[in-house]
Amino acid sequence: MRKKVILPAALGISLIGGILFSAMSVGAQTPSEGTQTIIQRIAQRFNLNETDVQKVFEEQRDEHHAQMKKNLEEKLTQAVKDGKITEVQKTAILNKFSEIKTNKPDFKNMTPDQRKQAMDQKKTELENWAKENGLSLETLQEVLGHDGRGFGHKGMMFMQK
């Protein structure tokens, strides 16, 4: 009887986790306050161990990160094949993405003016990095398939014109 309850609950948690993590910024290494609350509520509602629920969320995040990285590498490989960028530029872009992921500003604790200033600074840094690597922001947008919304994931919209 217990197995009949645990399996659907685990599948439900996986599904909920997938939906939540696809809608949230997946770059955080620790759960946000909102995510932690959801984890606690799921654990309480289905009488599950909170650590086990946390692991499901972490596994989902890791799988999503791996898929995003794979998609990025595929886009860049195609761009090299199409002659839009070089293999050296592909490597530079991959390294820049890793750097951006690990060095994100903490926008939560900033005023709107501070956020704008930080994003403007990041945009300038990216423009300089792109020039140093023989790339334009337009080329990056074209290669990465972005429609001007940004370089990176949610919150990293410092490529907007």
N, C-alpha and C. Protein backbone atom coordinates (compact mmCIF):
# COMPACT_ATOMS: atom_id res chain seq x y z
N MET A 1 0.83 -1.20 0.00
CA MET A 1 0.00 0.00 0.00
C MET A 1 0.87 1.25 0.00
N ARG A 2 1.92 1.25 0.82
CA ARG A 2 2.79 2.43 0.92
C ARG A 2 3.48 2.72 -0.41
N LYS A 3 3.88 1.65 -1.15
CA LYS A 3 4.53 1.83 -2.45
C LYS A 3 3.58 2.50 -3.44
N LYS A 4 2.29 2.18 -3.34
CA LYS A 4 1.31 2.77 -4.24
C LYS A 4 1.16 4.26 -4.01
N VAL A 5 1.46 4.73 -2.82
CA VAL A 5 1.36 6.15 -2.49
C VAL A 5 2.67 6.86 -2.81
N ILE A 6 3.80 6.23 -2.51
CA ILE A 6 5.11 6.86 -2.68
C ILE A 6 5.43 7.08 -4.15
N LEU A 7 5.19 6.10 -5.01
CA LEU A 7 5.53 6.23 -6.42
C LEU A 7 4.79 7.40 -7.08
N PRO A 8 3.47 7.50 -6.96
CA PRO A 8 2.80 8.66 -7.56
C PRO A 8 3.26 9.98 -6.95
N ALA A 9 3.54 9.98 -5.65
CA ALA A 9 4.02 11.20 -5.00
C ALA A 9 5.38 11.59 -5.56
N ALA A 10 6.28 10.61 -5.73
CA ALA A 10 7.60 10.89 -6.27
C ALA A 10 7.51 11.40 -7.71
N LEU A 11 6.63 10.77 -8.50
CA LEU A 11 6.45 11.23 -9.88
C LEU A 11 5.86 12.64 -9.91
N GLY A 12 4.92 12.90 -9.02
CA GLY A 12 4.33 14.23 -8.93
C GLY A 12 5.37 15.27 -8.54
N ILE A 13 6.22 14.90 -7.60
CA ILE A 13 7.28 15.82 -7.18
C ILE A 13 8.22 16.10 -8.34
N SER A 14 8.59 15.07 -9.10
CA SER A 14 9.45 15.26 -10.26
C SER A 14 8.82 16.21 -11.27
N LEU A 15 7.54 15.99 -11.53
CA LEU A 15 6.83 16.84 -12.48
C LEU A 15 6.77 18.28 -11.98
N ILE A 16 6.40 18.44 -10.73
CA ILE A 16 6.33 19.79 -10.15
C ILE A 16 7.70 20.44 -10.19
N GLY A 17 8.73 19.67 -9.82
CA GLY A 17 10.09 20.20 -9.84
C GLY A 17 10.50 20.65 -11.23
N GLY A 18 10.16 19.86 -12.23
CA GLY A 18 10.49 20.23 -13.61
C GLY A 18 9.83 21.52 -14.03
N ILE A 19 8.57 21.65 -13.70
CA ILE A 19 7.84 22.86 -14.05
C ILE A 19 8.42 24.06 -13.32
N LEU A 20 8.66 23.90 -12.03
CA LEU A 20 9.20 25.02 -11.25
C LEU A 20 10.56 25.44 -11.72
N PHE A 21 11.44 24.48 -11.96
CA PHE A 21 12.79 24.85 -12.35
C PHE A 21 12.88 25.38 -13.76
N SER A 22 11.95 25.00 -14.62
CA SER A 22 11.97 25.59 -15.95
C SER A 22 11.45 27.03 -15.92
N ALA A 23 10.67 27.37 -14.91
CA ALA A 23 10.12 28.71 -14.79
C ALA A 23 10.99 29.62 -13.94
N MET A 24 11.93 29.04 -13.21
CA MET A 24 12.77 29.83 -12.31
C MET A 24 14.18 29.90 -12.87
N SER A 25 14.96 30.80 -12.35
CA SER A 25 16.38 30.84 -12.68
C SER A 25 17.04 29.61 -12.11
N VAL A 26 17.70 28.86 -12.96
CA VAL A 26 18.29 27.62 -12.50
C VAL A 26 19.75 27.80 -12.11
N GLY A 27 20.24 28.99 -12.14
CA GLY A 27 21.63 29.22 -11.83
C GLY A 27 21.97 29.16 -10.36
N ALA A 28 21.02 29.30 -9.50
CA ALA A 28 21.31 29.34 -8.07
C ALA A 28 21.78 27.97 -7.60
N GLN A 29 22.82 27.96 -6.78
CA GLN A 29 23.33 26.71 -6.24
C GLN A 29 22.61 26.32 -4.96
N THR A 30 22.02 27.27 -4.28
CA THR A 30 21.23 26.98 -3.10
C THR A 30 19.80 27.36 -3.39
N PRO A 31 18.85 26.67 -2.78
CA PRO A 31 17.46 26.97 -3.09
C PRO A 31 17.06 28.37 -2.62
N SER A 32 16.25 29.01 -3.42
CA SER A 32 15.73 30.32 -3.02
C SER A 32 14.71 30.12 -1.91
N GLU A 33 14.34 31.21 -1.29
CA GLU A 33 13.36 31.13 -0.20
C GLU A 33 12.05 30.51 -0.70
N GLY A 34 11.61 30.92 -1.89
CA GLY A 34 10.36 30.39 -2.46
C GLY A 34 10.46 28.91 -2.75
N THR A 35 11.59 28.48 -3.31
CA THR A 35 11.77 27.07 -3.62
C THR A 35 11.83 26.26 -2.34
N GLN A 36 12.53 26.78 -1.35
CA GLN A 36 12.64 26.06 -0.07
C GLN A 36 11.26 25.89 0.56
N THR A 37 10.43 26.91 0.47
CA THR A 37 9.08 26.82 1.01
C THR A 37 8.28 25.75 0.28
N ILE A 38 8.41 25.69 -1.03
CA ILE A 38 7.69 24.68 -1.82
C ILE A 38 8.18 23.29 -1.45
N ILE A 39 9.48 23.14 -1.29
CA ILE A 39 10.04 21.85 -0.89
C ILE A 39 9.45 21.42 0.46
N GLN A 40 9.41 22.35 1.39
CA GLN A 40 8.85 22.04 2.71
C GLN A 40 7.37 21.67 2.61
N ARG A 41 6.64 22.40 1.81
CA ARG A 41 5.20 22.13 1.68
C ARG A 41 4.93 20.78 1.03
N ILE A 42 5.70 20.44 -0.01
CA ILE A 42 5.53 19.14 -0.67
C ILE A 42 5.85 18.02 0.32
N ALA A 43 6.96 18.19 1.03
CA ALA A 43 7.36 17.17 2.01
C ALA A 43 6.28 16.98 3.07
N GLN A 44 5.72 18.08 3.56
CA GLN A 44 4.67 17.98 4.58
C GLN A 44 3.40 17.37 4.02
N ARG A 45 2.98 17.83 2.85
CA ARG A 45 1.72 17.37 2.27
C ARG A 45 1.74 15.87 1.98
N PHE A 46 2.86 15.37 1.46
CA PHE A 46 2.93 13.97 1.08
C PHE A 46 3.66 13.11 2.11
N ASN A 47 3.93 13.73 3.26
CA ASN A 47 4.60 13.04 4.36
C ASN A 47 5.91 12.41 3.89
N LEU A 48 6.75 13.22 3.26
CA LEU A 48 8.03 12.77 2.74
C LEU A 48 9.17 13.45 3.51
N ASN A 49 10.32 12.86 3.40
CA ASN A 49 11.51 13.44 4.01
C ASN A 49 11.91 14.67 3.19
N GLU A 50 12.07 15.80 3.85
CA GLU A 50 12.39 17.05 3.15
C GLU A 50 13.72 16.95 2.38
N THR A 51 14.68 16.23 2.95
CA THR A 51 15.97 16.05 2.26
C THR A 51 15.79 15.30 0.95
N ASP A 52 14.91 14.30 0.94
CA ASP A 52 14.64 13.54 -0.29
C ASP A 52 13.99 14.43 -1.35
N VAL A 53 13.07 15.27 -0.92
CA VAL A 53 12.41 16.18 -1.85
C VAL A 53 13.45 17.17 -2.40
N GLN A 54 14.31 17.67 -1.53
CA GLN A 54 15.38 18.59 -1.94
C GLN A 54 16.26 17.94 -3.01
N LYS A 55 16.58 16.66 -2.83
CA LYS A 55 17.42 15.94 -3.79
C LYS A 55 16.74 15.87 -5.16
N VAL A 56 15.42 15.66 -5.17
CA VAL A 56 14.69 15.61 -6.45
C VAL A 56 14.82 16.96 -7.16
N PHE A 57 14.67 18.04 -6.41
CA PHE A 57 14.81 19.38 -7.00
C PHE A 57 16.21 19.60 -7.53
N GLU A 58 17.22 19.19 -6.77
CA GLU A 58 18.61 19.35 -7.20
C GLU A 58 18.91 18.52 -8.44
N GLU A 59 18.38 17.29 -8.48
CA GLU A 59 18.58 16.44 -9.65
C GLU A 59 17.94 17.07 -10.88
N GLN A 60 16.74 17.62 -10.72
CA GLN A 60 16.07 18.27 -11.84
C GLN A 60 16.87 19.47 -12.32
N ARG A 61 17.37 20.28 -11.38
CA ARG A 61 18.17 21.45 -11.73
C ARG A 61 19.42 21.02 -12.50
N ASP A 62 20.10 19.97 -12.01
CA ASP A 62 21.31 19.50 -12.65
C ASP A 62 21.03 18.98 -14.06
N GLU A 63 19.92 18.24 -14.21
CA GLU A 63 19.55 17.74 -15.54
C GLU A 63 19.25 18.91 -16.49
N HIS A 64 18.55 19.90 -15.97
CA HIS A 64 18.23 21.07 -16.79
C HIS A 64 19.51 21.81 -17.19
N HIS A 65 20.43 21.98 -16.27
CA HIS A 65 21.72 22.63 -16.58
C HIS A 65 22.45 21.86 -17.68
N ALA A 66 22.49 20.54 -17.54
CA ALA A 66 23.19 19.71 -18.52
C ALA A 66 22.55 19.85 -19.90
N GLN A 67 21.22 19.89 -19.95
CA GLN A 67 20.53 20.04 -21.24
C GLN A 67 20.79 21.42 -21.84
N MET A 68 20.78 22.45 -21.00
CA MET A 68 21.06 23.80 -21.49
C MET A 68 22.48 23.88 -22.06
N LYS A 69 23.44 23.27 -21.37
CA LYS A 69 24.83 23.28 -21.84
C LYS A 69 24.94 22.53 -23.16
N LYS A 70 24.27 21.38 -23.25
CA LYS A 70 24.29 20.59 -24.48
C LYS A 70 23.71 21.41 -25.65
N ASN A 71 22.57 22.07 -25.41
CA ASN A 71 21.94 22.88 -26.45
C ASN A 71 22.87 24.01 -26.89
N LEU A 72 23.53 24.66 -25.94
CA LEU A 72 24.46 25.74 -26.27
C LEU A 72 25.61 25.21 -27.11
N GLU A 73 26.18 24.09 -26.70
CA GLU A 73 27.30 23.52 -27.45
C GLU A 73 26.88 23.13 -28.87
N GLU A 74 25.66 22.61 -29.01
CA GLU A 74 25.17 22.25 -30.34
C GLU A 74 25.01 23.48 -31.22
N LYS A 75 24.45 24.56 -30.66
CA LYS A 75 24.30 25.81 -31.43
C LYS A 75 25.66 26.34 -31.86
N LEU A 76 26.62 26.31 -30.95
CA LEU A 76 27.95 26.83 -31.27
C LEU A 76 28.66 25.95 -32.28
N THR A 77 28.51 24.65 -32.17
CA THR A 77 29.11 23.73 -33.14
C THR A 77 28.54 24.00 -34.53
N GLN A 78 27.23 24.21 -34.61
CA GLN A 78 26.60 24.52 -35.90
C GLN A 78 27.10 25.86 -36.43
N ALA A 79 27.28 26.83 -35.55
CA ALA A 79 27.78 28.15 -35.97
C ALA A 79 29.19 28.04 -36.53
N VAL A 80 30.01 27.16 -35.94
CA VAL A 80 31.36 26.93 -36.47
C VAL A 80 31.26 26.31 -37.86
N LYS A 81 30.40 25.29 -38.00
CA LYS A 81 30.21 24.63 -39.30
C LYS A 81 29.72 25.61 -40.35
N ASP A 82 28.86 26.54 -39.94
CA ASP A 82 28.30 27.53 -40.87
C ASP A 82 29.27 28.68 -41.15
N GLY A 83 30.41 28.69 -40.48
CA GLY A 83 31.40 29.74 -40.69
C GLY A 83 31.07 31.06 -40.01
N LYS A 84 30.15 31.05 -39.08
CA LYS A 84 29.77 32.29 -38.39
C LYS A 84 30.76 32.64 -37.28
N ILE A 85 31.35 31.61 -36.66
CA ILE A 85 32.37 31.80 -35.64
C ILE A 85 33.46 30.76 -35.84
N THR A 86 34.59 30.97 -35.17
CA THR A 86 35.68 29.99 -35.23
C THR A 86 35.59 29.06 -34.03
N GLU A 87 36.39 28.00 -34.08
CA GLU A 87 36.45 27.07 -32.95
C GLU A 87 36.99 27.78 -31.70
N VAL A 88 37.94 28.69 -31.90
CA VAL A 88 38.49 29.47 -30.78
C VAL A 88 37.40 30.35 -30.16
N GLN A 89 36.58 30.96 -31.00
CA GLN A 89 35.49 31.79 -30.50
C GLN A 89 34.45 30.94 -29.77
N LYS A 90 34.19 29.75 -30.28
CA LYS A 90 33.26 28.83 -29.62
C LYS A 90 33.74 28.55 -28.20
N THR A 91 35.01 28.24 -28.06
CA THR A 91 35.58 27.96 -26.74
C THR A 91 35.49 29.19 -25.85
N ALA A 92 35.76 30.36 -26.41
CA ALA A 92 35.68 31.61 -25.63
C ALA A 92 34.25 31.85 -25.15
N ILE A 93 33.27 31.59 -26.00
CA ILE A 93 31.86 31.79 -25.62
C ILE A 93 31.48 30.82 -24.50
N LEU A 94 31.87 29.56 -24.63
CA LEU A 94 31.57 28.59 -23.59
C LEU A 94 32.20 29.00 -22.25
N ASN A 95 33.43 29.46 -22.31
CA ASN A 95 34.10 29.93 -21.09
C ASN A 95 33.40 31.15 -20.51
N LYS A 96 32.93 32.05 -21.38
CA LYS A 96 32.24 33.25 -20.91
C LYS A 96 30.92 32.87 -20.24
N PHE A 97 30.20 31.92 -20.80
CA PHE A 97 28.95 31.48 -20.19
C PHE A 97 29.22 30.93 -18.79
N SER A 98 30.27 30.13 -18.64
CA SER A 98 30.61 29.59 -17.32
C SER A 98 30.94 30.72 -16.36
N GLU A 99 31.68 31.70 -16.83
CA GLU A 99 32.04 32.85 -15.99
C GLU A 99 30.80 33.63 -15.57
N ILE A 100 29.89 33.85 -16.50
CA ILE A 100 28.67 34.59 -16.20
C ILE A 100 27.85 33.84 -15.15
N LYS A 101 27.75 32.53 -15.31
CA LYS A 101 26.98 31.72 -14.36
C LYS A 101 27.53 31.80 -12.95
N THR A 102 28.85 31.84 -12.84
CA THR A 102 29.45 31.82 -11.51
C THR A 102 29.63 33.21 -10.91
N ASN A 103 29.56 34.25 -11.71
CA ASN A 103 29.79 35.61 -11.21
C ASN A 103 28.58 36.52 -11.41
N LYS A 104 27.40 36.01 -11.08
CA LYS A 104 26.19 36.82 -11.24
C LYS A 104 26.07 37.84 -10.12
N PRO A 105 25.69 39.06 -10.47
CA PRO A 105 25.43 40.04 -9.42
C PRO A 105 24.20 39.63 -8.61
N ASP A 106 24.14 40.06 -7.37
CA ASP A 106 23.00 39.77 -6.51
C ASP A 106 21.97 40.88 -6.70
N PHE A 107 21.13 40.73 -7.72
CA PHE A 107 20.15 41.77 -8.06
C PHE A 107 19.08 41.93 -6.99
N LYS A 108 18.83 40.88 -6.19
CA LYS A 108 17.76 40.94 -5.20
C LYS A 108 17.95 42.06 -4.19
N ASN A 109 19.18 42.33 -3.84
CA ASN A 109 19.45 43.33 -2.81
C ASN A 109 19.80 44.70 -3.38
N MET A 110 19.42 44.94 -4.62
CA MET A 110 19.72 46.22 -5.27
C MET A 110 18.45 47.01 -5.52
N THR A 111 18.62 48.31 -5.53
CA THR A 111 17.52 49.18 -5.92
C THR A 111 17.41 49.10 -7.44
N PRO A 112 16.29 49.56 -8.02
CA PRO A 112 16.18 49.56 -9.48
C PRO A 112 17.33 50.32 -10.16
N ASP A 113 17.73 51.44 -9.60
CA ASP A 113 18.84 52.20 -10.19
C ASP A 113 20.16 51.42 -10.11
N GLN A 114 20.38 50.75 -8.99
CA GLN A 114 21.59 49.95 -8.84
C GLN A 114 21.59 48.78 -9.81
N ARG A 115 20.40 48.15 -10.00
CA ARG A 115 20.31 47.05 -10.97
C ARG A 115 20.62 47.53 -12.37
N LYS A 116 20.06 48.67 -12.74
CA LYS A 116 20.32 49.22 -14.07
C LYS A 116 21.80 49.52 -14.24
N GLN A 117 22.40 50.11 -13.23
CA GLN A 117 23.83 50.44 -13.29
C GLN A 117 24.67 49.15 -13.42
N ALA A 118 24.33 48.13 -12.64
CA ALA A 118 25.06 46.86 -12.70
C ALA A 118 24.89 46.21 -14.08
N MET A 119 23.68 46.26 -14.63
CA MET A 119 23.44 45.67 -15.95
C MET A 119 24.17 46.45 -17.04
N ASP A 120 24.19 47.78 -16.91
CA ASP A 120 24.93 48.59 -17.88
C ASP A 120 26.42 48.25 -17.82
N GLN A 121 26.94 48.05 -16.62
CA GLN A 121 28.35 47.70 -16.45
C GLN A 121 28.62 46.33 -17.08
N LYS A 122 27.74 45.37 -16.84
CA LYS A 122 27.90 44.04 -17.42
C LYS A 122 27.83 44.09 -18.94
N LYS A 123 26.95 44.93 -19.45
CA LYS A 123 26.84 45.07 -20.90
C LYS A 123 28.13 45.61 -21.48
N THR A 124 28.70 46.64 -20.83
CA THR A 124 29.96 47.22 -21.30
C THR A 124 31.07 46.18 -21.25
N GLU A 125 31.13 45.42 -20.14
CA GLU A 125 32.13 44.36 -20.01
C GLU A 125 31.97 43.33 -21.13
N LEU A 126 30.73 42.96 -21.43
CA LEU A 126 30.49 41.97 -22.48
C LEU A 126 30.87 42.52 -23.85
N GLU A 127 30.53 43.77 -24.11
CA GLU A 127 30.92 44.38 -25.38
C GLU A 127 32.43 44.37 -25.54
N ASN A 128 33.15 44.72 -24.47
CA ASN A 128 34.62 44.71 -24.53
C ASN A 128 35.15 43.30 -24.74
N TRP A 129 34.57 42.33 -24.01
CA TRP A 129 34.98 40.95 -24.18
C TRP A 129 34.74 40.49 -25.62
N ALA A 130 33.59 40.83 -26.16
CA ALA A 130 33.25 40.43 -27.53
C ALA A 130 34.25 41.00 -28.52
N LYS A 131 34.57 42.29 -28.38
CA LYS A 131 35.55 42.92 -29.28
C LYS A 131 36.90 42.23 -29.19
N GLU A 132 37.32 41.94 -27.96
CA GLU A 132 38.61 41.26 -27.76
C GLU A 132 38.64 39.89 -28.43
N ASN A 133 37.47 39.28 -28.60
CA ASN A 133 37.38 37.95 -29.19
C ASN A 133 36.88 37.98 -30.64
N GLY A 134 36.89 39.17 -31.24
CA GLY A 134 36.49 39.29 -32.63
C GLY A 134 35.02 39.03 -32.89
N LEU A 135 34.19 39.32 -31.90
CA LEU A 135 32.75 39.08 -32.02
C LEU A 135 31.99 40.38 -31.81
N SER A 136 30.84 40.47 -32.42
CA SER A 136 29.94 41.58 -32.14
C SER A 136 28.77 41.02 -31.34
N LEU A 137 28.08 41.88 -30.62
CA LEU A 137 26.91 41.42 -29.88
C LEU A 137 25.85 40.89 -30.83
N GLU A 138 25.78 41.49 -32.01
CA GLU A 138 24.81 41.02 -33.00
C GLU A 138 25.13 39.59 -33.44
N THR A 139 26.42 39.30 -33.63
CA THR A 139 26.83 37.95 -34.01
C THR A 139 26.48 36.97 -32.90
N LEU A 140 26.75 37.37 -31.65
CA LEU A 140 26.40 36.50 -30.53
C LEU A 140 24.91 36.23 -30.50
N GLN A 141 24.12 37.28 -30.69
CA GLN A 141 22.67 37.09 -30.68
C GLN A 141 22.23 36.17 -31.81
N GLU A 142 22.81 36.35 -32.99
CA GLU A 142 22.45 35.51 -34.13
C GLU A 142 22.85 34.06 -33.89
N VAL A 143 24.07 33.86 -33.42
CA VAL A 143 24.59 32.51 -33.20
C VAL A 143 23.82 31.79 -32.10
N LEU A 144 23.50 32.52 -31.04
CA LEU A 144 22.85 31.90 -29.90
C LEU A 144 21.34 31.81 -30.05
N GLY A 145 20.80 32.47 -31.07
CA GLY A 145 19.37 32.39 -31.31
C GLY A 145 18.55 33.28 -30.41
N HIS A 146 19.19 34.23 -29.74
CA HIS A 146 18.45 35.15 -28.89
C HIS A 146 17.82 36.24 -29.76
N ASP A 147 16.70 36.71 -29.31
CA ASP A 147 16.02 37.77 -30.06
C ASP A 147 16.19 39.12 -29.36
N GLY A 148 17.38 39.35 -28.79
CA GLY A 148 17.65 40.61 -28.13
C GLY A 148 17.31 40.62 -26.66
N ARG A 149 16.84 39.47 -26.14
CA ARG A 149 16.43 39.44 -24.73
C ARG A 149 17.59 39.30 -23.78
N GLY A 150 18.72 38.78 -24.21
CA GLY A 150 19.82 38.69 -23.27
C GLY A 150 20.82 37.61 -23.57
N PHE A 151 21.88 37.63 -22.83
CA PHE A 151 23.00 36.70 -22.95
C PHE A 151 23.01 35.92 -21.66
N GLY A 152 22.56 34.70 -21.70
CA GLY A 152 22.46 33.94 -20.47
C GLY A 152 21.02 33.70 -20.13
N HIS A 153 20.77 33.42 -18.88
CA HIS A 153 19.43 33.05 -18.43
C HIS A 153 18.82 34.20 -17.66
N LYS A 154 17.59 34.08 -17.34
CA LYS A 154 16.79 35.03 -16.59
C LYS A 154 17.64 35.94 -15.69
N GLY A 155 17.48 37.23 -15.84
CA GLY A 155 18.19 38.16 -14.99
C GLY A 155 19.50 38.64 -15.58
N MET A 156 19.96 38.03 -16.66
CA MET A 156 21.24 38.42 -17.24
C MET A 156 21.01 39.12 -18.58
N MET A 157 20.10 40.06 -18.58
CA MET A 157 19.67 40.69 -19.82
C MET A 157 20.53 41.92 -20.12
N PHE A 158 21.85 41.75 -20.14
CA PHE A 158 22.68 42.91 -20.36
C PHE A 158 23.15 43.04 -21.80
N MET A 159 22.48 42.36 -22.72
CA MET A 159 22.80 42.55 -24.13
C MET A 159 21.74 43.40 -24.82
N GLN A 160 20.72 43.79 -24.11
CA GLN A 160 19.68 44.60 -24.73
C GLN A 160 20.26 45.92 -25.22
N LYS A 161 19.71 46.37 -26.31
CA LYS A 161 20.15 47.65 -26.86
C LYS A 161 19.41 48.79 -26.24
